Amino acid sequence: MNDNERPDVQYGDRVTIHGGSGNVGIQHNNGSAGDQALPPEVAALFARLAAVVTDLARDGRLHEADRQSLAEALPVLTSPAAEEPRSRRNTLLLLAGLAQSVGEAAAPALGLANQLLALLSG
């Protein structure tokens, strides 16, 4: 992986000063608000969906734009506990819609996305 392919990841403290004087203190970020453990069955479904989406993103029968959308969804699927609930839900909705339009090749992805949506909204 070269520098242009490196994901945008923030490690450690982030300090922002907007000028002025008397700026004291540092906001320590020890994880994000979405950084919470998911139930094991939900985490396992996300892992299965990530594997299915990885295969679909490489499927030459799909349009390039569809494969690109699938590839862009993978970071949320591979690290769902690090994402905000809204981001997880939006990604699952995008995948469900895309899977419906793709058809038979994406049936496993549609089933898993719908199963996760039901678990996360209930």
PDB file of N, CA and C in Angstrom:
ATOM      1  N   MET A   1       0.857  -1.171   0.000  1.00  0.00           N
ATOM      2  CA  MET A   1       0.000   0.000   0.000  1.00  0.00           C
ATOM      3  C   MET A   1       0.901   1.231   0.000  1.00  0.00           C
ATOM      4  N   ASN A   2       0.658   2.137  -0.946  1.00  0.00           N
ATOM      5  CA  ASN A   2       1.441   3.362  -0.956  1.00  0.00           C
ATOM      6  C   ASN A   2       0.725   4.451  -0.166  1.00  0.00           C
ATOM      7  N   ASP A   3       1.337   5.611  -0.040  1.00  0.00           N
ATOM      8  CA  ASP A   3       0.779   6.685   0.779  1.00  0.00           C
ATOM      9  C   ASP A   3      -0.588   7.152   0.290  1.00  0.00           C
ATOM     10  N   ASN A   4      -0.837   7.071  -1.018  1.00  0.00           N
ATOM     11  CA  ASN A   4      -2.112   7.524  -1.554  1.00  0.00           C
ATOM     12  C   ASN A   4      -3.246   6.567  -1.232  1.00  0.00           C
ATOM     13  N   GLU A   5      -2.950   5.327  -0.853  1.00  0.00           N
ATOM     14  CA  GLU A   5      -3.968   4.336  -0.565  1.00  0.00           C
ATOM     15  C   GLU A   5      -4.211   4.169   0.933  1.00  0.00           C
ATOM     16  N   ARG A   6      -3.460   4.871   1.757  1.00  0.00           N
ATOM     17  CA  ARG A   6      -3.592   4.736   3.194  1.00  0.00           C
ATOM     18  C   ARG A   6      -4.924   5.280   3.671  1.00  0.00           C
ATOM     19  N   PRO A   7      -5.654   4.529   4.487  1.00  0.00           N
ATOM     20  CA  PRO A   7      -6.932   5.052   4.989  1.00  0.00           C
ATOM     21  C   PRO A   7      -6.701   6.224   5.922  1.00  0.00           C
ATOM     22  N   ASP A   8      -7.675   7.114   5.992  1.00  0.00           N
ATOM     23  CA  ASP A   8      -7.590   8.272   6.862  1.00  0.00           C
ATOM     24  C   ASP A   8      -7.941   7.833   8.281  1.00  0.00           C
ATOM     25  N   VAL A   9      -6.924   7.650   9.102  1.00  0.00           N
ATOM     26  CA  VAL A   9      -7.107   7.162  10.461  1.00  0.00           C
ATOM     27  C   VAL A   9      -6.439   8.137  11.416  1.00  0.00           C
ATOM     28  N   GLN A  10      -7.133   8.480  12.481  1.00  0.00           N
ATOM     29  CA  GLN A  10      -6.599   9.387  13.493  1.00  0.00           C
ATOM     30  C   GLN A  10      -6.174   8.590  14.710  1.00  0.00           C
ATOM     31  N   TYR A  11      -4.919   8.676  15.087  1.00  0.00           N
ATOM     32  CA  TYR A  11      -4.422   8.036  16.293  1.00  0.00           C
ATOM     33  C   TYR A  11      -4.025   9.123  17.289  1.00  0.00           C
ATOM     34  N   GLY A  12      -4.298   8.881  18.533  1.00  0.00           N
ATOM     35  CA  GLY A  12      -3.874   9.814  19.571  1.00  0.00           C
ATOM     36  C   GLY A  12      -4.798  11.005  19.710  1.00  0.00           C
ATOM     37  N   ASP A  13      -4.281  12.040  20.368  1.00  0.00           N
ATOM     38  CA  ASP A  13      -5.076  13.225  20.669  1.00  0.00           C
ATOM     39  C   ASP A  13      -5.135  14.153  19.468  1.00  0.00           C
ATOM     40  N   ARG A  14      -6.263  14.832  19.341  1.00  0.00           N
ATOM     41  CA  ARG A  14      -6.417  15.850  18.311  1.00  0.00           C
ATOM     42  C   ARG A  14      -6.538  17.185  19.031  1.00  0.00           C
ATOM     43  N   VAL A  15      -5.701  18.126  18.663  1.00  0.00           N
ATOM     44  CA  VAL A  15      -5.703  19.435  19.301  1.00  0.00           C
ATOM     45  C   VAL A  15      -6.001  20.479  18.235  1.00  0.00           C
ATOM     46  N   THR A  16      -7.027  21.281  18.460  1.00  0.00           N
ATOM     47  CA  THR A  16      -7.386  22.344  17.539  1.00  0.00           C
ATOM     48  C   THR A  16      -7.435  23.645  18.331  1.00  0.00           C
ATOM     49  N   ILE A  17      -6.684  24.643  17.866  1.00  0.00           N
ATOM     50  CA  ILE A  17      -6.675  25.957  18.507  1.00  0.00           C
ATOM     51  C   ILE A  17      -7.088  26.973  17.454  1.00  0.00           C
ATOM     52  N   HIS A  18      -8.102  27.757  17.795  1.00  0.00           N
ATOM     53  CA  HIS A  18      -8.634  28.734  16.854  1.00  0.00           C
ATOM     54  C   HIS A  18      -8.163  30.146  17.196  1.00  0.00           C
ATOM     55  N   GLY A  19      -6.961  30.272  17.666  1.00  0.00           N
ATOM     56  CA  GLY A  19      -6.429  31.582  17.986  1.00  0.00           C
ATOM     57  C   GLY A  19      -6.837  32.036  19.380  1.00  0.00           C
ATOM     58  N   GLY A  20      -6.516  33.247  19.694  1.00  0.00           N
ATOM     59  CA  GLY A  20      -6.852  33.791  20.998  1.00  0.00           C
ATOM     60  C   GLY A  20      -5.784  33.462  22.017  1.00  0.00           C
ATOM     61  N   SER A  21      -6.122  33.676  23.278  1.00  0.00           N
ATOM     62  CA  SER A  21      -5.159  33.387  24.332  1.00  0.00           C
ATOM     63  C   SER A  21      -5.864  32.608  25.424  1.00  0.00           C
ATOM     64  N   GLY A  22      -5.087  32.042  26.301  1.00  0.00           N
ATOM     65  CA  GLY A  22      -5.646  31.300  27.410  1.00  0.00           C
ATOM     66  C   GLY A  22      -6.189  29.935  27.009  1.00  0.00           C
ATOM     67  N   ASN A  23      -5.708  29.412  25.895  1.00  0.00           N
ATOM     68  CA  ASN A  23      -6.139  28.090  25.463  1.00  0.00           C
ATOM     69  C   ASN A  23      -5.463  27.043  26.342  1.00  0.00           C
ATOM     70  N   VAL A  24      -6.249  26.323  27.097  1.00  0.00           N
ATOM     71  CA  VAL A  24      -5.690  25.301  27.981  1.00  0.00           C
ATOM     72  C   VAL A  24      -6.451  24.001  27.789  1.00  0.00           C
ATOM     73  N   GLY A  25      -5.751  22.937  28.007  1.00  0.00           N
ATOM     74  CA  GLY A  25      -6.389  21.621  27.973  1.00  0.00           C
ATOM     75  C   GLY A  25      -6.324  20.951  26.620  1.00  0.00           C
ATOM     76  N   ILE A  26      -6.445  19.665  26.649  1.00  0.00           N
ATOM     77  CA  ILE A  26      -6.454  18.825  25.455  1.00  0.00           C
ATOM     78  C   ILE A  26      -7.644  17.892  25.577  1.00  0.00           C
ATOM     79  N   GLN A  27      -8.356  17.738  24.494  1.00  0.00           N
ATOM     80  CA  GLN A  27      -9.442  16.758  24.478  1.00  0.00           C
ATOM     81  C   GLN A  27      -8.832  15.401  24.166  1.00  0.00           C
ATOM     82  N   HIS A  28      -8.906  14.502  25.105  1.00  0.00           N
ATOM     83  CA  HIS A  28      -8.375  13.152  24.908  1.00  0.00           C
ATOM     84  C   HIS A  28      -9.461  12.285  24.297  1.00  0.00           C
ATOM     85  N   ASN A  29      -9.162  11.709  23.143  1.00  0.00           N
ATOM     86  CA  ASN A  29     -10.116  10.845  22.455  1.00  0.00           C
ATOM     87  C   ASN A  29      -9.676   9.401  22.621  1.00  0.00           C
ATOM     88  N   ASN A  30     -10.353   8.708  23.482  1.00  0.00           N
ATOM     89  CA  ASN A  30     -10.033   7.301  23.735  1.00  0.00           C
ATOM     90  C   ASN A  30     -11.056   6.400  23.060  1.00  0.00           C
ATOM     91  N   GLY A  31     -11.343   6.679  21.799  1.00  0.00           N
ATOM     92  CA  GLY A  31     -12.353   5.934  21.063  1.00  0.00           C
ATOM     93  C   GLY A  31     -13.463   6.876  20.668  1.00  0.00           C
ATOM     94  N   SER A  32     -14.277   6.456  19.730  1.00  0.00           N
ATOM     95  CA  SER A  32     -15.365   7.303  19.259  1.00  0.00           C
ATOM     96  C   SER A  32     -16.660   6.912  19.952  1.00  0.00           C
ATOM     97  N   ALA A  33     -17.662   7.739  19.751  1.00  0.00           N
ATOM     98  CA  ALA A  33     -18.959   7.453  20.355  1.00  0.00           C
ATOM     99  C   ALA A  33     -19.532   6.142  19.848  1.00  0.00           C
ATOM    100  N   GLY A  34     -19.166   5.765  18.614  1.00  0.00           N
ATOM    101  CA  GLY A  34     -19.675   4.532  18.053  1.00  0.00           C
ATOM    102  C   GLY A  34     -18.839   3.324  18.402  1.00  0.00           C
ATOM    103  N   ASP A  35     -17.761   3.523  19.122  1.00  0.00           N
ATOM    104  CA  ASP A  35     -16.844   2.443  19.424  1.00  0.00           C
ATOM    105  C   ASP A  35     -17.389   1.623  20.588  1.00  0.00           C
ATOM    106  N   GLN A  36     -18.336   0.759  20.307  1.00  0.00           N
ATOM    107  CA  GLN A  36     -18.977  -0.032  21.340  1.00  0.00           C
ATOM    108  C   GLN A  36     -19.092  -1.464  20.844  1.00  0.00           C
ATOM    109  N   ALA A  37     -19.105  -2.377  21.741  1.00  0.00           N
ATOM    110  CA  ALA A  37     -19.193  -3.780  21.368  1.00  0.00           C
ATOM    111  C   ALA A  37     -20.577  -4.090  20.827  1.00  0.00           C
ATOM    112  N   LEU A  38     -20.601  -4.879  19.780  1.00  0.00           N
ATOM    113  CA  LEU A  38     -21.862  -5.357  19.229  1.00  0.00           C
ATOM    114  C   LEU A  38     -22.123  -6.753  19.776  1.00  0.00           C
ATOM    115  N   PRO A  39     -23.373  -7.148  19.868  1.00  0.00           N
ATOM    116  CA  PRO A  39     -23.656  -8.529  20.274  1.00  0.00           C
ATOM    117  C   PRO A  39     -22.947  -9.499  19.316  1.00  0.00           C
ATOM    118  N   PRO A  40     -22.464 -10.626  19.825  1.00  0.00           N
ATOM    119  CA  PRO A  40     -21.697 -11.557  18.986  1.00  0.00           C
ATOM    120  C   PRO A  40     -22.435 -11.998  17.722  1.00  0.00           C
ATOM    121  N   GLU A  41     -23.746 -12.211  17.808  1.00  0.00           N
ATOM    122  CA  GLU A  41     -24.484 -12.662  16.619  1.00  0.00           C
ATOM    123  C   GLU A  41     -24.544 -11.563  15.556  1.00  0.00           C
ATOM    124  N   VAL A  42     -24.611 -10.306  15.987  1.00  0.00           N
ATOM    125  CA  VAL A  42     -24.618  -9.190  15.044  1.00  0.00           C
ATOM    126  C   VAL A  42     -23.240  -9.042  14.410  1.00  0.00           C
ATOM    127  N   ALA A  43     -22.191  -9.123  15.221  1.00  0.00           N
ATOM    128  CA  ALA A  43     -20.829  -9.038  14.691  1.00  0.00           C
ATOM    129  C   ALA A  43     -20.569 -10.154  13.683  1.00  0.00           C
ATOM    130  N   ALA A  44     -21.059 -11.360  13.964  1.00  0.00           N
ATOM    131  CA  ALA A  44     -20.868 -12.490  13.054  1.00  0.00           C
ATOM    132  C   ALA A  44     -21.599 -12.259  11.729  1.00  0.00           C
ATOM    133  N   LEU A  45     -22.793 -11.685  11.792  1.00  0.00           N
ATOM    134  CA  LEU A  45     -23.533 -11.389  10.558  1.00  0.00           C
ATOM    135  C   LEU A  45     -22.823 -10.320   9.731  1.00  0.00           C
ATOM    136  N   PHE A  46     -22.275  -9.309  10.404  1.00  0.00           N
ATOM    137  CA  PHE A  46     -21.504  -8.296   9.677  1.00  0.00           C
ATOM    138  C   PHE A  46     -20.294  -8.935   8.997  1.00  0.00           C
ATOM    139  N   ALA A  47     -19.619  -9.860   9.671  1.00  0.00           N
ATOM    140  CA  ALA A  47     -18.463 -10.538   9.078  1.00  0.00           C
ATOM    141  C   ALA A  47     -18.881 -11.353   7.853  1.00  0.00           C
ATOM    142  N   ARG A  48     -20.006 -12.067   7.955  1.00  0.00           N
ATOM    143  CA  ARG A  48     -20.503 -12.838   6.807  1.00  0.00           C
ATOM    144  C   ARG A  48     -20.872 -11.916   5.652  1.00  0.00           C
ATOM    145  N   LEU A  49     -21.532 -10.792   5.968  1.00  0.00           N
ATOM    146  CA  LEU A  49     -21.909  -9.843   4.929  1.00  0.00           C
ATOM    147  C   LEU A  49     -20.674  -9.236   4.271  1.00  0.00           C
ATOM    148  N   ALA A  50     -19.650  -8.940   5.059  1.00  0.00           N
ATOM    149  CA  ALA A  50     -18.409  -8.396   4.493  1.00  0.00           C
ATOM    150  C   ALA A  50     -17.794  -9.382   3.500  1.00  0.00           C
ATOM    151  N   ALA A  51     -17.808 -10.676   3.827  1.00  0.00           N
ATOM    152  CA  ALA A  51     -17.252 -11.690   2.923  1.00  0.00           C
ATOM    153  C   ALA A  51     -18.067 -11.770   1.631  1.00  0.00           C
ATOM    154  N   VAL A  52     -19.394 -11.728   1.752  1.00  0.00           N
ATOM    155  CA  VAL A  52     -20.259 -11.786   0.576  1.00  0.00           C
ATOM    156  C   VAL A  52     -20.053 -10.549  -0.298  1.00  0.00           C
ATOM    157  N   VAL A  53     -19.977  -9.389   0.332  1.00  0.00           N
ATOM    158  CA  VAL A  53     -19.797  -8.137  -0.414  1.00  0.00           C
ATOM    159  C   VAL A  53     -18.419  -8.101  -1.082  1.00  0.00           C
ATOM    160  N   THR A  54     -17.403  -8.632  -0.418  1.00  0.00           N
ATOM    161  CA  THR A  54     -16.069  -8.700  -1.028  1.00  0.00           C
ATOM    162  C   THR A  54     -16.114  -9.509  -2.313  1.00  0.00           C
ATOM    163  N   ASP A  55     -16.782 -10.653  -2.268  1.00  0.00           N
ATOM    164  CA  ASP A  55     -16.918 -11.484  -3.471  1.00  0.00           C
ATOM    165  C   ASP A  55     -17.711 -10.765  -4.561  1.00  0.00           C
ATOM    166  N   LEU A  56     -18.802 -10.118  -4.171  1.00  0.00           N
ATOM    167  CA  LEU A  56     -19.622  -9.395  -5.145  1.00  0.00           C
ATOM    168  C   LEU A  56     -18.854  -8.243  -5.794  1.00  0.00           C
ATOM    169  N   ALA A  57     -18.039  -7.567  -5.003  1.00  0.00           N
ATOM    170  CA  ALA A  57     -17.281  -6.429  -5.532  1.00  0.00           C
ATOM    171  C   ALA A  57     -16.280  -6.867  -6.595  1.00  0.00           C
ATOM    172  N   ARG A  58     -15.967  -8.153  -6.637  1.00  0.00           N
ATOM    173  CA  ARG A  58     -15.027  -8.695  -7.634  1.00  0.00           C
ATOM    174  C   ARG A  58     -15.749  -9.381  -8.787  1.00  0.00           C
ATOM    175  N   ASP A  59     -17.080  -9.444  -8.727  1.00  0.00           N
ATOM    176  CA  ASP A  59     -17.876 -10.162  -9.719  1.00  0.00           C
ATOM    177  C   ASP A  59     -17.959  -9.352 -11.012  1.00  0.00           C
ATOM    178  N   GLY A  60     -17.403  -9.881 -12.066  1.00  0.00           N
ATOM    179  CA  GLY A  60     -17.356  -9.193 -13.356  1.00  0.00           C
ATOM    180  C   GLY A  60     -18.716  -9.021 -14.008  1.00  0.00           C
ATOM    181  N   ARG A  61     -19.744  -9.718 -13.527  1.00  0.00           N
ATOM    182  CA  ARG A  61     -21.081  -9.573 -14.104  1.00  0.00           C
ATOM    183  C   ARG A  61     -21.741  -8.266 -13.687  1.00  0.00           C
ATOM    184  N   LEU A  62     -21.255  -7.658 -12.612  1.00  0.00           N
ATOM    185  CA  LEU A  62     -21.841  -6.413 -12.114  1.00  0.00           C
ATOM    186  C   LEU A  62     -21.227  -5.220 -12.825  1.00  0.00           C
ATOM    187  N   HIS A  63     -22.003  -4.151 -12.910  1.00  0.00           N
ATOM    188  CA  HIS A  63     -21.468  -2.912 -13.479  1.00  0.00           C
ATOM    189  C   HIS A  63     -20.359  -2.370 -12.586  1.00  0.00           C
ATOM    190  N   GLU A  64     -19.451  -1.657 -13.182  1.00  0.00           N
ATOM    191  CA  GLU A  64     -18.322  -1.084 -12.437  1.00  0.00           C
ATOM    192  C   GLU A  64     -18.805  -0.176 -11.309  1.00  0.00           C
ATOM    193  N   ALA A  65     -19.823   0.632 -11.564  1.00  0.00           N
ATOM    194  CA  ALA A  65     -20.331   1.542 -10.529  1.00  0.00           C
ATOM    195  C   ALA A  65     -20.880   0.757  -9.339  1.00  0.00           C
ATOM    196  N   ASP A  66     -21.554  -0.364  -9.600  1.00  0.00           N
ATOM    197  CA  ASP A  66     -22.073  -1.196  -8.515  1.00  0.00           C
ATOM    198  C   ASP A  66     -20.942  -1.826  -7.718  1.00  0.00           C
ATOM    199  N   ARG A  67     -19.931  -2.317  -8.424  1.00  0.00           N
ATOM    200  CA  ARG A  67     -18.775  -2.911  -7.729  1.00  0.00           C
ATOM    201  C   ARG A  67     -18.067  -1.868  -6.863  1.00  0.00           C
ATOM    202  N   GLN A  68     -17.970  -0.640  -7.365  1.00  0.00           N
ATOM    203  CA  GLN A  68     -17.331   0.435  -6.606  1.00  0.00           C
ATOM    204  C   GLN A  68     -18.136   0.762  -5.346  1.00  0.00           C
ATOM    205  N   SER A  69     -19.462   0.823  -5.470  1.00  0.00           N
ATOM    206  CA  SER A  69     -20.314   1.092  -4.300  1.00  0.00           C
ATOM    207  C   SER A  69     -20.159  -0.004  -3.253  1.00  0.00           C
ATOM    208  N   LEU A  70     -20.089  -1.234  -3.706  1.00  0.00           N
ATOM    209  CA  LEU A  70     -19.887  -2.350  -2.769  1.00  0.00           C
ATOM    210  C   LEU A  70     -18.539  -2.226  -2.065  1.00  0.00           C
ATOM    211  N   ALA A  71     -17.502  -1.914  -2.816  1.00  0.00           N
ATOM    212  CA  ALA A  71     -16.166  -1.771  -2.226  1.00  0.00           C
ATOM    213  C   ALA A  71     -16.132  -0.635  -1.206  1.00  0.00           C
ATOM    214  N   GLU A  72     -16.847   0.436  -1.480  1.00  0.00           N
ATOM    215  CA  GLU A  72     -16.874   1.581  -0.559  1.00  0.00           C
ATOM    216  C   GLU A  72     -17.617   1.263   0.733  1.00  0.00           C
ATOM    217  N   ALA A  73     -18.494   0.270   0.708  1.00  0.00           N
ATOM    218  CA  ALA A  73     -19.233  -0.121   1.909  1.00  0.00           C
ATOM    219  C   ALA A  73     -18.413  -1.017   2.833  1.00  0.00           C
ATOM    220  N   LEU A  74     -17.353  -1.604   2.324  1.00  0.00           N
ATOM    221  CA  LEU A  74     -16.594  -2.586   3.111  1.00  0.00           C
ATOM    222  C   LEU A  74     -16.028  -2.065   4.427  1.00  0.00           C
ATOM    223  N   PRO A  75     -15.497  -0.845   4.527  1.00  0.00           N
ATOM    224  CA  PRO A  75     -14.970  -0.406   5.822  1.00  0.00           C
ATOM    225  C   PRO A  75     -16.004  -0.446   6.949  1.00  0.00           C
ATOM    226  N   VAL A  76     -17.248  -0.109   6.652  1.00  0.00           N
ATOM    227  CA  VAL A  76     -18.298  -0.161   7.672  1.00  0.00           C
ATOM    228  C   VAL A  76     -18.595  -1.607   8.048  1.00  0.00           C
ATOM    229  N   LEU A  77     -18.560  -2.490   7.065  1.00  0.00           N
ATOM    230  CA  LEU A  77     -18.880  -3.900   7.318  1.00  0.00           C
ATOM    231  C   LEU A  77     -17.777  -4.622   8.073  1.00  0.00           C
ATOM    232  N   THR A  78     -16.530  -4.243   7.817  1.00  0.00           N
ATOM    233  CA  THR A  78     -15.416  -4.944   8.460  1.00  0.00           C
ATOM    234  C   THR A  78     -15.126  -4.434   9.863  1.00  0.00           C
ATOM    235  N   SER A  79     -15.560  -3.215  10.191  1.00  0.00           N
ATOM    236  CA  SER A  79     -15.374  -2.659  11.539  1.00  0.00           C
ATOM    237  C   SER A  79     -16.659  -1.999  12.010  1.00  0.00           C
ATOM    238  N   PRO A  80     -17.749  -2.737  12.089  1.00  0.00           N
ATOM    239  CA  PRO A  80     -19.031  -2.098  12.410  1.00  0.00           C
ATOM    240  C   PRO A  80     -19.098  -1.487  13.799  1.00  0.00           C
ATOM    241  N   ALA A  81     -18.375  -2.040  14.769  1.00  0.00           N
ATOM    242  CA  ALA A  81     -18.427  -1.500  16.126  1.00  0.00           C
ATOM    243  C   ALA A  81     -17.796  -0.114  16.203  1.00  0.00           C
ATOM    244  N   ALA A  82     -16.920   0.203  15.257  1.00  0.00           N
ATOM    245  CA  ALA A  82     -16.256   1.506  15.255  1.00  0.00           C
ATOM    246  C   ALA A  82     -17.102   2.575  14.559  1.00  0.00           C
ATOM    247  N   GLU A  83     -18.211   2.183  13.988  1.00  0.00           N
ATOM    248  CA  GLU A  83     -19.064   3.110  13.249  1.00  0.00           C
ATOM    249  C   GLU A  83     -20.258   3.548  14.093  1.00  0.00           C
ATOM    250  N   GLU A  84     -20.753   4.717  13.788  1.00  0.00           N
ATOM    251  CA  GLU A  84     -21.977   5.202  14.421  1.00  0.00           C
ATOM    252  C   GLU A  84     -23.146   4.339  13.957  1.00  0.00           C
ATOM    253  N   PRO A  85     -24.145   4.131  14.805  1.00  0.00           N
ATOM    254  CA  PRO A  85     -25.312   3.334  14.398  1.00  0.00           C
ATOM    255  C   PRO A  85     -25.955   3.834  13.099  1.00  0.00           C
ATOM    256  N   ARG A  86     -26.019   5.132  12.935  1.00  0.00           N
ATOM    257  CA  ARG A  86     -26.622   5.695  11.716  1.00  0.00           C
ATOM    258  C   ARG A  86     -25.823   5.300  10.482  1.00  0.00           C
ATOM    259  N   SER A  87     -24.511   5.309  10.585  1.00  0.00           N
ATOM    260  CA  SER A  87     -23.653   4.924   9.464  1.00  0.00           C
ATOM    261  C   SER A  87     -23.847   3.456   9.116  1.00  0.00           C
ATOM    262  N   ARG A  88     -23.949   2.601  10.149  1.00  0.00           N
ATOM    263  CA  ARG A  88     -24.193   1.173   9.898  1.00  0.00           C
ATOM    264  C   ARG A  88     -25.525   0.989   9.178  1.00  0.00           C
ATOM    265  N   ARG A  89     -26.567   1.656   9.679  1.00  0.00           N
ATOM    266  CA  ARG A  89     -27.897   1.523   9.083  1.00  0.00           C
ATOM    267  C   ARG A  89     -27.907   2.023   7.646  1.00  0.00           C
ATOM    268  N   ASN A  90     -27.318   3.182   7.388  1.00  0.00           N
ATOM    269  CA  ASN A  90     -27.283   3.727   6.031  1.00  0.00           C
ATOM    270  C   ASN A  90     -26.552   2.798   5.072  1.00  0.00           C
ATOM    271  N   THR A  91     -25.465   2.199   5.537  1.00  0.00           N
ATOM    272  CA  THR A  91     -24.718   1.269   4.700  1.00  0.00           C
ATOM    273  C   THR A  91     -25.556   0.032   4.391  1.00  0.00           C
ATOM    274  N   LEU A  92     -26.258  -0.487   5.398  1.00  0.00           N
ATOM    275  CA  LEU A  92     -27.104  -1.657   5.175  1.00  0.00           C
ATOM    276  C   LEU A  92     -28.254  -1.336   4.219  1.00  0.00           C
ATOM    277  N   LEU A  93     -28.842  -0.155   4.347  1.00  0.00           N
ATOM    278  CA  LEU A  93     -29.907   0.243   3.424  1.00  0.00           C
ATOM    279  C   LEU A  93     -29.380   0.378   2.002  1.00  0.00           C
ATOM    280  N   LEU A  94     -28.203   0.959   1.845  1.00  0.00           N
ATOM    281  CA  LEU A  94     -27.583   1.081   0.527  1.00  0.00           C
ATOM    282  C   LEU A  94     -27.347  -0.304  -0.074  1.00  0.00           C
ATOM    283  N   LEU A  95     -26.820  -1.215   0.735  1.00  0.00           N
ATOM    284  CA  LEU A  95     -26.547  -2.566   0.245  1.00  0.00           C
ATOM    285  C   LEU A  95     -27.825  -3.302  -0.122  1.00  0.00           C
ATOM    286  N   ALA A  96     -28.867  -3.153   0.688  1.00  0.00           N
ATOM    287  CA  ALA A  96     -30.136  -3.819   0.390  1.00  0.00           C
ATOM    288  C   ALA A  96     -30.705  -3.306  -0.934  1.00  0.00           C
ATOM    289  N   GLY A  97     -30.672  -2.020  -1.139  1.00  0.00           N
ATOM    290  CA  GLY A  97     -31.171  -1.451  -2.395  1.00  0.00           C
ATOM    291  C   GLY A  97     -30.340  -1.881  -3.581  1.00  0.00           C
ATOM    292  N   LEU A  98     -29.044  -1.863  -3.423  1.00  0.00           N
ATOM    293  CA  LEU A  98     -28.145  -2.272  -4.501  1.00  0.00           C
ATOM    294  C   LEU A  98     -28.330  -3.756  -4.818  1.00  0.00           C
ATOM    295  N   ALA A  99     -28.459  -4.565  -3.776  1.00  0.00           N
ATOM    296  CA  ALA A  99     -28.640  -6.004  -3.975  1.00  0.00           C
ATOM    297  C   ALA A  99     -29.942  -6.290  -4.715  1.00  0.00           C
ATOM    298  N   GLN A 100     -31.001  -5.543  -4.409  1.00  0.00           N
ATOM    299  CA  GLN A 100     -32.269  -5.736  -5.121  1.00  0.00           C
ATOM    300  C   GLN A 100     -32.122  -5.407  -6.594  1.00  0.00           C
ATOM    301  N   SER A 101     -31.387  -4.344  -6.911  1.00  0.00           N
ATOM    302  CA  SER A 101     -31.241  -3.957  -8.309  1.00  0.00           C
ATOM    303  C   SER A 101     -30.302  -4.896  -9.063  1.00  0.00           C
ATOM    304  N   VAL A 102     -29.335  -5.493  -8.378  1.00  0.00           N
ATOM    305  CA  VAL A 102     -28.390  -6.404  -9.027  1.00  0.00           C
ATOM    306  C   VAL A 102     -29.070  -7.726  -9.359  1.00  0.00           C
ATOM    307  N   GLY A 103     -29.913  -8.201  -8.459  1.00  0.00           N
ATOM    308  CA  GLY A 103     -30.651  -9.428  -8.731  1.00  0.00           C
ATOM    309  C   GLY A 103     -30.069 -10.653  -8.065  1.00  0.00           C
ATOM    310  N   GLU A 104     -30.192 -11.793  -8.721  1.00  0.00           N
ATOM    311  CA  GLU A 104     -29.868 -13.106  -8.167  1.00  0.00           C
ATOM    312  C   GLU A 104     -28.452 -13.197  -7.593  1.00  0.00           C
ATOM    313  N   ALA A 105     -27.485 -12.600  -8.256  1.00  0.00           N
ATOM    314  CA  ALA A 105     -26.089 -12.685  -7.792  1.00  0.00           C
ATOM    315  C   ALA A 105     -25.927 -12.095  -6.393  1.00  0.00           C
ATOM    316  N   ALA A 106     -26.790 -11.150  -6.041  1.00  0.00           N
ATOM    317  CA  ALA A 106     -26.665 -10.461  -4.757  1.00  0.00           C
ATOM    318  C   ALA A 106     -27.683 -10.923  -3.721  1.00  0.00           C
ATOM    319  N   ALA A 107     -28.384 -12.010  -3.997  1.00  0.00           N
ATOM    320  CA  ALA A 107     -29.412 -12.489  -3.064  1.00  0.00           C
ATOM    321  C   ALA A 107     -28.862 -12.748  -1.658  1.00  0.00           C
ATOM    322  N   PRO A 108     -27.681 -13.375  -1.501  1.00  0.00           N
ATOM    323  CA  PRO A 108     -27.157 -13.573  -0.138  1.00  0.00           C
ATOM    324  C   PRO A 108     -26.896 -12.251   0.592  1.00  0.00           C
ATOM    325  N   ALA A 109     -26.405 -11.247  -0.128  1.00  0.00           N
ATOM    326  CA  ALA A 109     -26.143  -9.940   0.490  1.00  0.00           C
ATOM    327  C   ALA A 109     -27.450  -9.290   0.923  1.00  0.00           C
ATOM    328  N   LEU A 110     -28.485  -9.411   0.100  1.00  0.00           N
ATOM    329  CA  LEU A 110     -29.780  -8.834   0.442  1.00  0.00           C
ATOM    330  C   LEU A 110     -30.343  -9.493   1.695  1.00  0.00           C
ATOM    331  N   GLY A 111     -30.262 -10.807   1.771  1.00  0.00           N
ATOM    332  CA  GLY A 111     -30.769 -11.518   2.945  1.00  0.00           C
ATOM    333  C   GLY A 111     -30.050 -11.114   4.221  1.00  0.00           C
ATOM    334  N   LEU A 112     -28.723 -11.048   4.157  1.00  0.00           N
ATOM    335  CA  LEU A 112     -27.940 -10.665   5.343  1.00  0.00           C
ATOM    336  C   LEU A 112     -28.193  -9.218   5.741  1.00  0.00           C
ATOM    337  N   ALA A 113     -28.246  -8.318   4.757  1.00  0.00           N
ATOM    338  CA  ALA A 113     -28.491  -6.901   5.059  1.00  0.00           C
ATOM    339  C   ALA A 113     -29.852  -6.732   5.718  1.00  0.00           C
ATOM    340  N   ASN A 114     -30.865  -7.402   5.189  1.00  0.00           N
ATOM    341  CA  ASN A 114     -32.206  -7.301   5.779  1.00  0.00           C
ATOM    342  C   ASN A 114     -32.244  -7.910   7.184  1.00  0.00           C
ATOM    343  N   GLN A 115     -31.532  -9.009   7.378  1.00  0.00           N
ATOM    344  CA  GLN A 115     -31.482  -9.628   8.705  1.00  0.00           C
ATOM    345  C   GLN A 115     -30.826  -8.683   9.715  1.00  0.00           C
ATOM    346  N   LEU A 116     -29.735  -8.030   9.311  1.00  0.00           N
ATOM    347  CA  LEU A 116     -29.057  -7.084  10.206  1.00  0.00           C
ATOM    348  C   LEU A 116     -29.932  -5.861  10.479  1.00  0.00           C
ATOM    349  N   LEU A 117     -30.600  -5.365   9.468  1.00  0.00           N
ATOM    350  CA  LEU A 117     -31.491  -4.219   9.679  1.00  0.00           C
ATOM    351  C   LEU A 117     -32.570  -4.552  10.695  1.00  0.00           C
ATOM    352  N   ALA A 118     -33.128  -5.745  10.603  1.00  0.00           N
ATOM    353  CA  ALA A 118     -34.163  -6.163  11.551  1.00  0.00           C
ATOM    354  C   ALA A 118     -33.599  -6.270  12.966  1.00  0.00           C
ATOM    355  N   LEU A 119     -32.403  -6.836  13.102  1.00  0.00           N
ATOM    356  CA  LEU A 119     -31.786  -6.981  14.433  1.00  0.00           C
ATOM    357  C   LEU A 119     -31.438  -5.629  15.046  1.00  0.00           C
ATOM    358  N   LEU A 120     -30.920  -4.719  14.226  1.00  0.00           N
ATOM    359  CA  LEU A 120     -30.459  -3.431  14.737  1.00  0.00           C
ATOM    360  C   LEU A 120     -31.605  -2.461  15.020  1.00  0.00           C
ATOM    361  N   SER A 121     -32.735  -2.656  14.381  1.00  0.00           N
ATOM    362  CA  SER A 121     -33.843  -1.730  14.602  1.00  0.00           C
ATOM    363  C   SER A 121     -34.807  -2.244  15.680  1.00  0.00           C
ATOM    364  N   GLY A 122     -34.589  -3.456  16.132  1.00  0.00           N
ATOM    365  CA  GLY A 122     -35.518  -4.022  17.108  1.00  0.00           C
ATOM    366  C   GLY A 122     -35.001  -3.987  18.452  1.00  0.00           C
TER     367      GLY A 122
END
